[in-house]
């Protein structure tokens, strides 16, 4: 997955990205499915395709936050064995962002890509605040995803491939969590350029 950020940057610089947000995410989904492959590629594809559907005809910042919800929901529904319960990171706030508590048996804290994805989603919720600067919000989401990915270094694997490996052998952050942060970072870098 280490070539994915470079592929995203190359794609963003090689042609003007689609102007419509839904088309942008659909194209990004196609790129990741082509370049990434494996179960991670499929999960990213599901996430981005569902998010793109939510953005059809919409481009306001709150729509992007809704798109994140839709993407996570699509991933949660598509994984065999996923439990339908939802967990809200925003229980104390009037508008809550529901994030799947279970994802193919995984939850935040289980040392999977879900750790970074949910951390980023929590930061992206700020897009619903009137006047929020989308680039600053995305920057915060990238920082949250990176911190969550690094935090997986010290977690016991509760799900995913790492759960089959002895904890004493897990010395690095979860690759899926690192990949989520890298993909978001590549998108941010491309948008800044």
N, C-alpha and C. Protein backbone atom coordinates (compact mmCIF):
# COMPACT_ATOMS: atom_id res chain seq x y z
N UNK A 1 0.81 -1.20 0.00
CA UNK A 1 0.00 0.00 0.00
C UNK A 1 0.85 1.27 0.00
N UNK A 2 2.14 1.13 0.08
CA UNK A 2 3.00 2.31 0.17
C UNK A 2 2.99 3.13 -1.12
N UNK A 3 2.60 2.54 -2.24
CA UNK A 3 2.58 3.28 -3.50
C UNK A 3 1.29 4.06 -3.70
N UNK A 4 0.30 3.85 -2.85
CA UNK A 4 -1.00 4.49 -3.02
C UNK A 4 -0.91 6.02 -2.90
N UNK A 5 -0.26 6.57 -1.86
CA UNK A 5 -0.18 8.04 -1.80
C UNK A 5 0.47 8.64 -3.05
N UNK A 6 1.51 8.00 -3.56
CA UNK A 6 2.16 8.50 -4.77
C UNK A 6 1.21 8.41 -5.97
N UNK A 7 0.45 7.34 -6.05
CA UNK A 7 -0.51 7.19 -7.15
C UNK A 7 -1.59 8.26 -7.07
N UNK A 8 -2.03 8.59 -5.87
CA UNK A 8 -3.05 9.64 -5.71
C UNK A 8 -2.48 10.99 -6.13
N UNK A 9 -1.28 11.30 -5.66
CA UNK A 9 -0.66 12.59 -6.03
C UNK A 9 -0.46 12.66 -7.55
N UNK A 10 0.02 11.58 -8.15
CA UNK A 10 0.23 11.55 -9.59
C UNK A 10 -1.09 11.76 -10.33
N UNK A 11 -2.13 11.10 -9.86
CA UNK A 11 -3.45 11.23 -10.49
C UNK A 11 -3.95 12.67 -10.38
N UNK A 12 -3.81 13.28 -9.22
CA UNK A 12 -4.28 14.66 -9.02
C UNK A 12 -3.51 15.63 -9.92
N UNK A 13 -2.21 15.39 -10.13
CA UNK A 13 -1.39 16.31 -10.92
C UNK A 13 -1.43 16.01 -12.42
N UNK A 14 -1.84 14.82 -12.82
CA UNK A 14 -1.81 14.44 -14.23
C UNK A 14 -3.00 14.97 -15.01
N UNK A 15 -4.05 15.29 -14.34
CA UNK A 15 -5.26 15.77 -15.01
C UNK A 15 -6.05 16.61 -14.02
N UNK A 16 -6.86 17.48 -14.52
CA UNK A 16 -7.70 18.22 -13.57
C UNK A 16 -8.68 17.23 -12.92
N UNK A 17 -8.73 17.20 -11.60
CA UNK A 17 -9.68 16.30 -10.95
C UNK A 17 -11.11 16.70 -11.32
N UNK A 18 -12.03 15.76 -11.33
CA UNK A 18 -13.42 16.11 -11.63
C UNK A 18 -13.90 17.22 -10.70
N UNK A 19 -14.67 18.14 -11.25
CA UNK A 19 -15.13 19.29 -10.47
C UNK A 19 -16.21 18.90 -9.47
N UNK A 20 -17.08 17.98 -9.86
CA UNK A 20 -18.17 17.57 -8.96
C UNK A 20 -17.62 16.64 -7.88
N UNK A 21 -17.90 16.94 -6.61
CA UNK A 21 -17.38 16.11 -5.52
C UNK A 21 -17.72 14.62 -5.67
N UNK A 22 -18.93 14.32 -6.12
CA UNK A 22 -19.30 12.90 -6.26
C UNK A 22 -18.45 12.22 -7.32
N UNK A 23 -18.17 12.92 -8.41
CA UNK A 23 -17.32 12.35 -9.46
C UNK A 23 -15.88 12.20 -8.97
N UNK A 24 -15.42 13.16 -8.18
CA UNK A 24 -14.07 13.08 -7.62
C UNK A 24 -13.91 11.82 -6.78
N UNK A 25 -14.87 11.57 -5.88
CA UNK A 25 -14.77 10.38 -5.02
C UNK A 25 -14.94 9.10 -5.81
N UNK A 26 -15.81 9.10 -6.82
CA UNK A 26 -15.97 7.91 -7.66
C UNK A 26 -14.67 7.59 -8.39
N UNK A 27 -14.03 8.63 -8.92
CA UNK A 27 -12.75 8.43 -9.62
C UNK A 27 -11.67 7.94 -8.66
N UNK A 28 -11.66 8.50 -7.46
CA UNK A 28 -10.69 8.07 -6.45
C UNK A 28 -10.94 6.61 -6.06
N UNK A 29 -12.21 6.22 -5.95
CA UNK A 29 -12.56 4.82 -5.65
C UNK A 29 -12.01 3.91 -6.74
N UNK A 30 -12.21 4.29 -8.00
CA UNK A 30 -11.70 3.48 -9.11
C UNK A 30 -10.18 3.36 -9.05
N UNK A 31 -9.51 4.47 -8.76
CA UNK A 31 -8.05 4.46 -8.67
C UNK A 31 -7.58 3.51 -7.57
N UNK A 32 -8.19 3.60 -6.39
CA UNK A 32 -7.76 2.74 -5.28
C UNK A 32 -8.07 1.28 -5.55
N UNK A 33 -9.21 0.99 -6.16
CA UNK A 33 -9.52 -0.40 -6.50
C UNK A 33 -8.50 -0.95 -7.49
N UNK A 34 -8.09 -0.11 -8.44
CA UNK A 34 -7.11 -0.54 -9.44
C UNK A 34 -5.72 -0.72 -8.84
N UNK A 35 -5.29 0.22 -8.02
CA UNK A 35 -3.91 0.23 -7.52
C UNK A 35 -3.72 -0.57 -6.24
N UNK A 36 -4.76 -0.68 -5.42
CA UNK A 36 -4.59 -1.28 -4.11
C UNK A 36 -4.90 -2.77 -4.11
N UNK A 37 -6.02 -3.14 -4.66
CA UNK A 37 -6.41 -4.54 -4.65
C UNK A 37 -6.61 -5.07 -3.24
N UNK A 38 -6.83 -6.35 -3.12
CA UNK A 38 -7.01 -6.98 -1.81
C UNK A 38 -8.24 -6.47 -1.08
N UNK A 39 -8.39 -6.91 0.15
CA UNK A 39 -9.57 -6.51 0.93
C UNK A 39 -9.55 -5.02 1.25
N UNK A 40 -8.39 -4.45 1.46
CA UNK A 40 -8.33 -3.01 1.75
C UNK A 40 -8.82 -2.20 0.56
N UNK A 41 -8.42 -2.58 -0.63
CA UNK A 41 -8.89 -1.87 -1.83
C UNK A 41 -10.39 -1.92 -1.96
N UNK A 42 -10.96 -3.07 -1.68
CA UNK A 42 -12.42 -3.22 -1.75
C UNK A 42 -13.09 -2.34 -0.69
N UNK A 43 -12.55 -2.33 0.53
CA UNK A 43 -13.15 -1.52 1.59
C UNK A 43 -13.07 -0.03 1.27
N UNK A 44 -11.92 0.42 0.74
CA UNK A 44 -11.82 1.82 0.33
C UNK A 44 -12.82 2.11 -0.79
N UNK A 45 -12.94 1.18 -1.74
CA UNK A 45 -13.88 1.36 -2.84
C UNK A 45 -15.31 1.49 -2.34
N UNK A 46 -15.70 0.63 -1.40
CA UNK A 46 -17.04 0.71 -0.82
C UNK A 46 -17.25 2.06 -0.13
N UNK A 47 -16.28 2.44 0.67
CA UNK A 47 -16.37 3.71 1.40
C UNK A 47 -16.56 4.88 0.44
N UNK A 48 -15.68 4.98 -0.55
CA UNK A 48 -15.70 6.13 -1.45
C UNK A 48 -16.92 6.12 -2.37
N UNK A 49 -17.36 4.95 -2.81
CA UNK A 49 -18.53 4.87 -3.67
C UNK A 49 -19.78 5.32 -2.93
N UNK A 50 -19.95 4.87 -1.69
CA UNK A 50 -21.11 5.29 -0.89
C UNK A 50 -21.04 6.78 -0.58
N UNK A 51 -19.84 7.26 -0.27
CA UNK A 51 -19.68 8.69 0.00
C UNK A 51 -20.01 9.51 -1.25
N UNK A 52 -19.60 9.02 -2.41
CA UNK A 52 -19.88 9.72 -3.67
C UNK A 52 -21.38 9.83 -3.91
N UNK A 53 -22.11 8.75 -3.63
CA UNK A 53 -23.57 8.79 -3.81
C UNK A 53 -24.20 9.87 -2.94
N UNK A 54 -23.71 10.01 -1.73
CA UNK A 54 -24.24 11.02 -0.81
C UNK A 54 -23.97 12.43 -1.32
N UNK A 55 -22.87 12.61 -2.04
CA UNK A 55 -22.49 13.95 -2.51
C UNK A 55 -23.13 14.34 -3.84
N UNK A 56 -23.88 13.43 -4.48
CA UNK A 56 -24.51 13.79 -5.76
C UNK A 56 -25.38 15.02 -5.58
N UNK A 57 -25.06 16.05 -6.34
CA UNK A 57 -25.84 17.28 -6.30
C UNK A 57 -25.58 18.14 -5.08
N UNK A 58 -24.60 17.78 -4.27
CA UNK A 58 -24.28 18.54 -3.06
C UNK A 58 -22.78 18.81 -3.04
N UNK A 59 -22.40 19.92 -2.46
CA UNK A 59 -20.96 20.19 -2.32
C UNK A 59 -20.65 21.00 -1.06
N UNK A 60 -21.67 21.28 -0.26
CA UNK A 60 -21.44 22.06 0.95
C UNK A 60 -20.63 21.25 1.96
N UNK A 61 -19.91 21.90 2.86
CA UNK A 61 -19.08 21.17 3.81
C UNK A 61 -19.84 20.13 4.63
N UNK A 62 -21.07 20.43 5.03
CA UNK A 62 -21.84 19.44 5.80
C UNK A 62 -22.10 18.19 4.98
N UNK A 63 -22.23 18.34 3.66
CA UNK A 63 -22.44 17.17 2.80
C UNK A 63 -21.24 16.23 2.87
N UNK A 64 -20.04 16.80 3.00
CA UNK A 64 -18.85 15.96 3.11
C UNK A 64 -18.87 15.16 4.41
N UNK A 65 -19.33 15.78 5.49
CA UNK A 65 -19.46 15.04 6.75
C UNK A 65 -20.49 13.93 6.61
N UNK A 66 -21.61 14.22 5.92
CA UNK A 66 -22.61 13.18 5.67
C UNK A 66 -22.03 12.06 4.82
N UNK A 67 -21.18 12.43 3.86
CA UNK A 67 -20.56 11.43 2.99
C UNK A 67 -19.67 10.48 3.78
N UNK A 68 -18.95 11.01 4.76
CA UNK A 68 -18.12 10.16 5.62
C UNK A 68 -19.00 9.16 6.36
N UNK A 69 -20.12 9.64 6.90
CA UNK A 69 -21.06 8.74 7.58
C UNK A 69 -21.53 7.64 6.64
N UNK A 70 -21.90 8.02 5.42
CA UNK A 70 -22.39 7.04 4.44
C UNK A 70 -21.32 6.02 4.09
N UNK A 71 -20.09 6.49 3.92
CA UNK A 71 -19.00 5.58 3.58
C UNK A 71 -18.75 4.56 4.68
N UNK A 72 -18.71 5.02 5.91
CA UNK A 72 -18.49 4.11 7.03
C UNK A 72 -19.66 3.14 7.15
N UNK A 73 -20.88 3.64 6.96
CA UNK A 73 -22.05 2.78 7.04
C UNK A 73 -22.00 1.69 5.96
N UNK A 74 -21.58 2.05 4.75
CA UNK A 74 -21.48 1.07 3.67
C UNK A 74 -20.46 -0.01 4.00
N UNK A 75 -19.34 0.39 4.57
CA UNK A 75 -18.33 -0.58 4.97
C UNK A 75 -18.89 -1.51 6.04
N UNK A 76 -19.57 -0.93 7.01
CA UNK A 76 -20.12 -1.71 8.12
C UNK A 76 -21.14 -2.72 7.62
N UNK A 77 -22.01 -2.31 6.69
CA UNK A 77 -23.06 -3.21 6.20
C UNK A 77 -22.52 -4.30 5.30
N UNK A 78 -21.39 -4.06 4.65
CA UNK A 78 -20.91 -5.00 3.65
C UNK A 78 -20.02 -6.10 4.21
N UNK A 79 -19.54 -5.94 5.41
CA UNK A 79 -18.60 -6.91 5.97
C UNK A 79 -19.37 -8.02 6.66
N UNK A 80 -19.17 -9.28 6.23
CA UNK A 80 -19.86 -10.39 6.88
C UNK A 80 -19.57 -10.42 8.37
N UNK A 81 -20.61 -10.64 9.13
CA UNK A 81 -20.44 -10.75 10.58
C UNK A 81 -20.47 -9.42 11.29
N UNK A 82 -20.65 -8.34 10.54
CA UNK A 82 -20.69 -7.03 11.18
C UNK A 82 -21.95 -6.93 12.04
N UNK A 83 -21.80 -6.31 13.17
CA UNK A 83 -22.91 -6.12 14.08
C UNK A 83 -23.53 -4.77 13.79
N UNK A 84 -24.83 -4.69 13.78
CA UNK A 84 -25.51 -3.48 13.36
C UNK A 84 -25.57 -2.36 14.37
N UNK A 85 -25.03 -2.54 15.56
CA UNK A 85 -25.11 -1.47 16.54
C UNK A 85 -24.22 -0.30 16.13
N UNK A 86 -24.58 0.88 16.57
CA UNK A 86 -23.84 2.09 16.24
C UNK A 86 -23.28 2.70 17.51
N UNK A 87 -22.17 3.37 17.40
CA UNK A 87 -21.54 4.06 18.53
C UNK A 87 -21.39 5.51 18.13
N UNK A 88 -21.79 6.41 18.97
CA UNK A 88 -21.68 7.83 18.67
C UNK A 88 -20.51 8.45 19.42
N UNK A 89 -19.61 9.07 18.66
CA UNK A 89 -18.51 9.79 19.28
C UNK A 89 -19.00 11.12 19.85
N UNK A 90 -20.20 11.51 19.50
CA UNK A 90 -20.68 12.84 19.82
C UNK A 90 -21.91 12.78 20.71
N UNK A 91 -21.98 11.83 21.63
CA UNK A 91 -23.16 11.67 22.46
C UNK A 91 -23.50 12.94 23.23
N UNK A 92 -22.52 13.75 23.57
CA UNK A 92 -22.77 14.95 24.35
C UNK A 92 -23.16 16.14 23.49
N UNK A 93 -23.13 15.98 22.17
CA UNK A 93 -23.46 17.09 21.29
C UNK A 93 -24.82 16.87 20.65
N UNK A 94 -25.46 17.95 20.23
CA UNK A 94 -26.80 17.82 19.68
C UNK A 94 -26.81 17.09 18.34
N UNK A 95 -25.78 17.30 17.51
CA UNK A 95 -25.69 16.56 16.25
C UNK A 95 -24.62 15.50 16.41
N UNK A 96 -25.03 14.23 16.41
CA UNK A 96 -24.04 13.18 16.61
C UNK A 96 -23.67 12.52 15.30
N UNK A 97 -22.40 12.17 15.21
CA UNK A 97 -21.89 11.42 14.07
C UNK A 97 -21.85 9.96 14.48
N UNK A 98 -22.69 9.14 13.88
CA UNK A 98 -22.71 7.73 14.23
C UNK A 98 -21.64 7.00 13.46
N UNK A 99 -20.79 6.35 14.20
CA UNK A 99 -19.71 5.54 13.64
C UNK A 99 -20.00 4.10 14.03
N UNK A 100 -19.79 3.18 13.13
CA UNK A 100 -20.06 1.79 13.50
C UNK A 100 -19.24 1.35 14.71
N UNK A 101 -19.91 0.81 15.68
CA UNK A 101 -19.21 0.26 16.84
C UNK A 101 -18.56 -1.06 16.46
N UNK A 102 -19.17 -1.75 15.55
CA UNK A 102 -18.61 -3.02 15.09
C UNK A 102 -18.40 -2.97 13.60
N UNK A 103 -17.32 -3.50 13.14
CA UNK A 103 -16.98 -3.50 11.73
C UNK A 103 -16.29 -4.82 11.45
N UNK A 104 -17.06 -5.79 10.97
CA UNK A 104 -16.49 -7.11 10.74
C UNK A 104 -15.90 -7.68 12.00
N UNK A 105 -16.53 -7.37 13.14
CA UNK A 105 -16.01 -7.84 14.41
C UNK A 105 -15.01 -6.89 15.03
N UNK A 106 -14.65 -5.83 14.34
CA UNK A 106 -13.65 -4.89 14.86
C UNK A 106 -14.34 -3.65 15.42
N UNK A 107 -13.66 -3.02 16.33
CA UNK A 107 -14.12 -1.76 16.92
C UNK A 107 -12.90 -0.86 17.06
N UNK A 108 -13.10 0.45 17.18
CA UNK A 108 -11.95 1.31 17.45
C UNK A 108 -11.21 0.78 18.68
N UNK A 109 -9.90 0.72 18.56
CA UNK A 109 -9.09 0.17 19.64
C UNK A 109 -8.65 -1.26 19.39
N UNK A 110 -9.09 -1.85 18.27
CA UNK A 110 -8.73 -3.23 17.94
C UNK A 110 -7.52 -3.35 17.03
N UNK A 111 -6.83 -2.24 16.78
CA UNK A 111 -5.61 -2.25 15.96
C UNK A 111 -5.91 -2.60 14.50
N UNK A 112 -6.83 -1.83 13.90
CA UNK A 112 -7.19 -2.02 12.50
C UNK A 112 -7.27 -0.66 11.81
N UNK A 113 -7.57 -0.68 10.52
CA UNK A 113 -7.75 0.56 9.77
C UNK A 113 -8.88 1.40 10.34
N UNK A 114 -9.78 0.75 11.07
CA UNK A 114 -10.91 1.45 11.67
C UNK A 114 -10.45 2.48 12.70
N UNK A 115 -9.33 2.25 13.35
CA UNK A 115 -8.81 3.22 14.33
C UNK A 115 -8.54 4.57 13.67
N UNK A 116 -7.83 4.56 12.56
CA UNK A 116 -7.53 5.82 11.85
C UNK A 116 -8.76 6.39 11.18
N UNK A 117 -9.58 5.53 10.60
CA UNK A 117 -10.76 6.00 9.89
C UNK A 117 -11.73 6.69 10.84
N UNK A 118 -11.97 6.12 11.99
CA UNK A 118 -12.89 6.74 12.94
C UNK A 118 -12.32 8.02 13.54
N UNK A 119 -11.01 8.05 13.76
CA UNK A 119 -10.38 9.29 14.26
C UNK A 119 -10.53 10.41 13.23
N UNK A 120 -10.30 10.07 11.96
CA UNK A 120 -10.46 11.07 10.90
C UNK A 120 -11.92 11.50 10.78
N UNK A 121 -12.83 10.55 10.87
CA UNK A 121 -14.26 10.88 10.77
C UNK A 121 -14.68 11.82 11.89
N UNK A 122 -14.15 11.59 13.06
CA UNK A 122 -14.47 12.46 14.19
C UNK A 122 -14.02 13.89 13.89
N UNK A 123 -12.83 14.04 13.34
CA UNK A 123 -12.33 15.38 13.00
C UNK A 123 -13.14 15.99 11.85
N UNK A 124 -13.53 15.16 10.88
CA UNK A 124 -14.29 15.67 9.74
C UNK A 124 -15.69 16.13 10.13
N UNK A 125 -16.15 15.72 11.29
CA UNK A 125 -17.45 16.19 11.77
C UNK A 125 -17.47 17.71 11.87
N UNK A 126 -16.33 18.33 12.04
CA UNK A 126 -16.25 19.80 12.12
C UNK A 126 -16.73 20.48 10.85
N UNK A 127 -16.83 19.72 9.76
CA UNK A 127 -17.34 20.31 8.52
C UNK A 127 -18.79 20.77 8.67
N UNK A 128 -19.47 20.26 9.67
CA UNK A 128 -20.86 20.66 9.89
C UNK A 128 -20.97 22.01 10.61
N UNK A 129 -19.87 22.53 11.09
CA UNK A 129 -19.87 23.82 11.77
C UNK A 129 -19.87 24.93 10.72
N UNK A 130 -20.85 25.84 10.76
CA UNK A 130 -20.89 26.92 9.77
C UNK A 130 -19.57 27.69 9.72
N UNK A 131 -19.10 27.93 8.51
CA UNK A 131 -17.88 28.70 8.32
C UNK A 131 -16.59 27.89 8.46
N UNK A 132 -16.70 26.59 8.66
CA UNK A 132 -15.50 25.76 8.80
C UNK A 132 -14.69 25.79 7.51
N UNK A 133 -13.38 25.88 7.65
CA UNK A 133 -12.47 25.87 6.51
C UNK A 133 -12.19 24.41 6.14
N UNK A 134 -12.68 23.94 4.99
CA UNK A 134 -12.52 22.53 4.64
C UNK A 134 -11.07 22.03 4.65
N UNK A 135 -10.12 22.85 4.18
CA UNK A 135 -8.73 22.39 4.18
C UNK A 135 -8.19 22.25 5.60
N UNK A 136 -8.54 23.16 6.47
CA UNK A 136 -8.09 23.05 7.87
C UNK A 136 -8.73 21.84 8.55
N UNK A 137 -9.99 21.58 8.23
CA UNK A 137 -10.67 20.42 8.81
C UNK A 137 -10.01 19.14 8.29
N UNK A 138 -9.71 19.09 6.99
CA UNK A 138 -9.04 17.92 6.44
C UNK A 138 -7.65 17.76 7.06
N UNK A 139 -6.95 18.87 7.27
CA UNK A 139 -5.64 18.81 7.92
C UNK A 139 -5.77 18.20 9.33
N UNK A 140 -6.78 18.61 10.06
CA UNK A 140 -7.02 18.05 11.40
C UNK A 140 -7.37 16.57 11.31
N UNK A 141 -8.11 16.19 10.27
CA UNK A 141 -8.46 14.78 10.09
C UNK A 141 -7.22 13.95 9.80
N UNK A 142 -6.33 14.49 8.98
CA UNK A 142 -5.07 13.78 8.68
C UNK A 142 -4.25 13.62 9.97
N UNK A 143 -4.13 14.70 10.74
CA UNK A 143 -3.37 14.62 12.00
C UNK A 143 -4.00 13.61 12.95
N UNK A 144 -5.32 13.58 13.03
CA UNK A 144 -6.01 12.62 13.90
C UNK A 144 -5.77 11.19 13.42
N UNK A 145 -5.84 10.99 12.11
CA UNK A 145 -5.61 9.66 11.56
C UNK A 145 -4.17 9.20 11.80
N UNK A 146 -3.22 10.12 11.63
CA UNK A 146 -1.81 9.78 11.87
C UNK A 146 -1.58 9.41 13.33
N UNK A 147 -2.15 10.19 14.24
CA UNK A 147 -1.99 9.90 15.67
C UNK A 147 -2.64 8.57 16.03
N UNK A 148 -3.81 8.31 15.47
CA UNK A 148 -4.49 7.04 15.74
C UNK A 148 -3.71 5.87 15.18
N UNK A 149 -3.12 6.06 14.00
CA UNK A 149 -2.31 4.99 13.41
C UNK A 149 -1.10 4.70 14.30
N UNK A 150 -0.44 5.74 14.75
CA UNK A 150 0.72 5.55 15.64
C UNK A 150 0.30 4.88 16.94
N UNK A 151 -0.87 5.21 17.44
CA UNK A 151 -1.35 4.61 18.69
C UNK A 151 -1.58 3.11 18.56
N UNK A 152 -1.81 2.63 17.34
CA UNK A 152 -2.02 1.18 17.17
C UNK A 152 -0.75 0.39 17.48
N UNK A 153 0.39 1.04 17.46
CA UNK A 153 1.66 0.38 17.77
C UNK A 153 1.60 -0.30 19.14
N UNK A 154 0.87 0.32 20.06
CA UNK A 154 0.84 -0.17 21.44
C UNK A 154 -0.45 -0.91 21.78
N UNK A 155 -1.26 -1.19 20.78
CA UNK A 155 -2.54 -1.87 21.02
C UNK A 155 -2.40 -3.37 20.83
N UNK A 156 -3.24 -4.07 21.55
CA UNK A 156 -3.39 -5.50 21.32
C UNK A 156 -4.36 -5.66 20.16
N UNK A 157 -4.02 -6.52 19.22
CA UNK A 157 -4.89 -6.72 18.06
C UNK A 157 -6.12 -7.51 18.46
N UNK A 158 -7.29 -6.90 18.26
CA UNK A 158 -8.54 -7.57 18.58
C UNK A 158 -9.26 -8.07 17.35
N UNK A 159 -8.79 -7.70 16.17
CA UNK A 159 -9.43 -8.12 14.92
C UNK A 159 -8.42 -7.95 13.80
N UNK A 160 -8.78 -8.40 12.63
CA UNK A 160 -7.92 -8.27 11.46
C UNK A 160 -6.79 -9.29 11.47
N UNK A 161 -5.94 -9.19 10.47
CA UNK A 161 -4.83 -10.15 10.33
C UNK A 161 -3.89 -10.14 11.52
N UNK A 162 -3.69 -8.97 12.10
CA UNK A 162 -2.75 -8.87 13.23
C UNK A 162 -3.21 -9.68 14.43
N UNK A 163 -4.51 -9.97 14.51
CA UNK A 163 -5.01 -10.74 15.66
C UNK A 163 -4.52 -12.18 15.65
N UNK A 164 -3.96 -12.62 14.52
CA UNK A 164 -3.44 -13.98 14.43
C UNK A 164 -1.95 -14.05 14.79
N UNK A 165 -1.37 -12.90 15.12
CA UNK A 165 0.07 -12.83 15.42
C UNK A 165 0.24 -12.53 16.90
N UNK A 166 1.23 -13.15 17.51
CA UNK A 166 1.50 -12.87 18.92
C UNK A 166 1.79 -11.39 19.13
N UNK A 167 1.23 -10.84 20.19
CA UNK A 167 1.39 -9.40 20.48
C UNK A 167 2.86 -8.99 20.56
N UNK A 168 3.69 -9.87 21.05
CA UNK A 168 5.11 -9.54 21.20
C UNK A 168 5.79 -9.31 19.85
N UNK A 169 5.19 -9.78 18.78
CA UNK A 169 5.78 -9.62 17.45
C UNK A 169 5.26 -8.37 16.73
N UNK A 170 4.26 -7.74 17.31
CA UNK A 170 3.67 -6.55 16.69
C UNK A 170 4.40 -5.32 17.20
N UNK A 171 5.42 -4.89 16.46
CA UNK A 171 6.25 -3.77 16.88
C UNK A 171 5.96 -2.48 16.13
N UNK A 172 5.20 -2.57 15.08
CA UNK A 172 4.93 -1.41 14.23
C UNK A 172 3.45 -1.06 14.26
N UNK A 173 3.11 0.16 13.87
CA UNK A 173 1.69 0.51 13.78
C UNK A 173 0.98 -0.39 12.78
N UNK A 174 -0.33 -0.53 12.94
CA UNK A 174 -1.11 -1.35 12.02
C UNK A 174 -1.01 -0.79 10.60
N UNK A 175 -0.66 -1.62 9.61
CA UNK A 175 -0.51 -1.14 8.24
C UNK A 175 -1.79 -0.53 7.66
N UNK A 176 -2.94 -1.10 7.98
CA UNK A 176 -4.19 -0.55 7.48
C UNK A 176 -4.47 0.83 8.05
N UNK A 177 -4.17 1.01 9.32
CA UNK A 177 -4.36 2.32 9.95
C UNK A 177 -3.40 3.35 9.36
N UNK A 178 -2.17 2.93 9.11
CA UNK A 178 -1.18 3.81 8.49
C UNK A 178 -1.62 4.18 7.08
N UNK A 179 -2.18 3.21 6.35
CA UNK A 179 -2.63 3.46 4.98
C UNK A 179 -3.77 4.49 4.95
N UNK A 180 -4.70 4.41 5.89
CA UNK A 180 -5.79 5.40 5.94
C UNK A 180 -5.20 6.80 6.09
N UNK A 181 -4.27 6.96 7.01
CA UNK A 181 -3.64 8.27 7.22
C UNK A 181 -2.88 8.72 5.98
N UNK A 182 -2.21 7.79 5.32
CA UNK A 182 -1.44 8.13 4.12
C UNK A 182 -2.35 8.56 2.97
N UNK A 183 -3.47 7.86 2.80
CA UNK A 183 -4.41 8.23 1.74
C UNK A 183 -4.98 9.62 2.00
N UNK A 184 -5.40 9.87 3.23
CA UNK A 184 -5.92 11.21 3.56
C UNK A 184 -4.85 12.27 3.37
N UNK A 185 -3.63 11.96 3.78
CA UNK A 185 -2.52 12.90 3.61
C UNK A 185 -2.23 13.20 2.15
N UNK A 186 -2.34 12.18 1.30
CA UNK A 186 -2.11 12.38 -0.13
C UNK A 186 -3.19 13.27 -0.73
N UNK A 187 -4.43 13.06 -0.32
CA UNK A 187 -5.52 13.90 -0.81
C UNK A 187 -5.29 15.35 -0.36
N UNK A 188 -4.95 15.54 0.90
CA UNK A 188 -4.67 16.89 1.41
C UNK A 188 -3.52 17.53 0.64
N UNK A 189 -2.44 16.78 0.45
CA UNK A 189 -1.30 17.31 -0.29
C UNK A 189 -1.66 17.71 -1.71
N UNK A 190 -2.47 16.89 -2.36
CA UNK A 190 -2.91 17.21 -3.71
C UNK A 190 -3.78 18.44 -3.77
N UNK A 191 -4.63 18.61 -2.78
CA UNK A 191 -5.51 19.79 -2.75
C UNK A 191 -4.74 21.06 -2.44
N UNK A 192 -3.67 20.95 -1.67
CA UNK A 192 -2.86 22.13 -1.33
C UNK A 192 -2.04 22.61 -2.52
N UNK A 193 -1.60 21.68 -3.35
CA UNK A 193 -0.72 22.03 -4.49
C UNK A 193 -1.42 22.83 -5.55
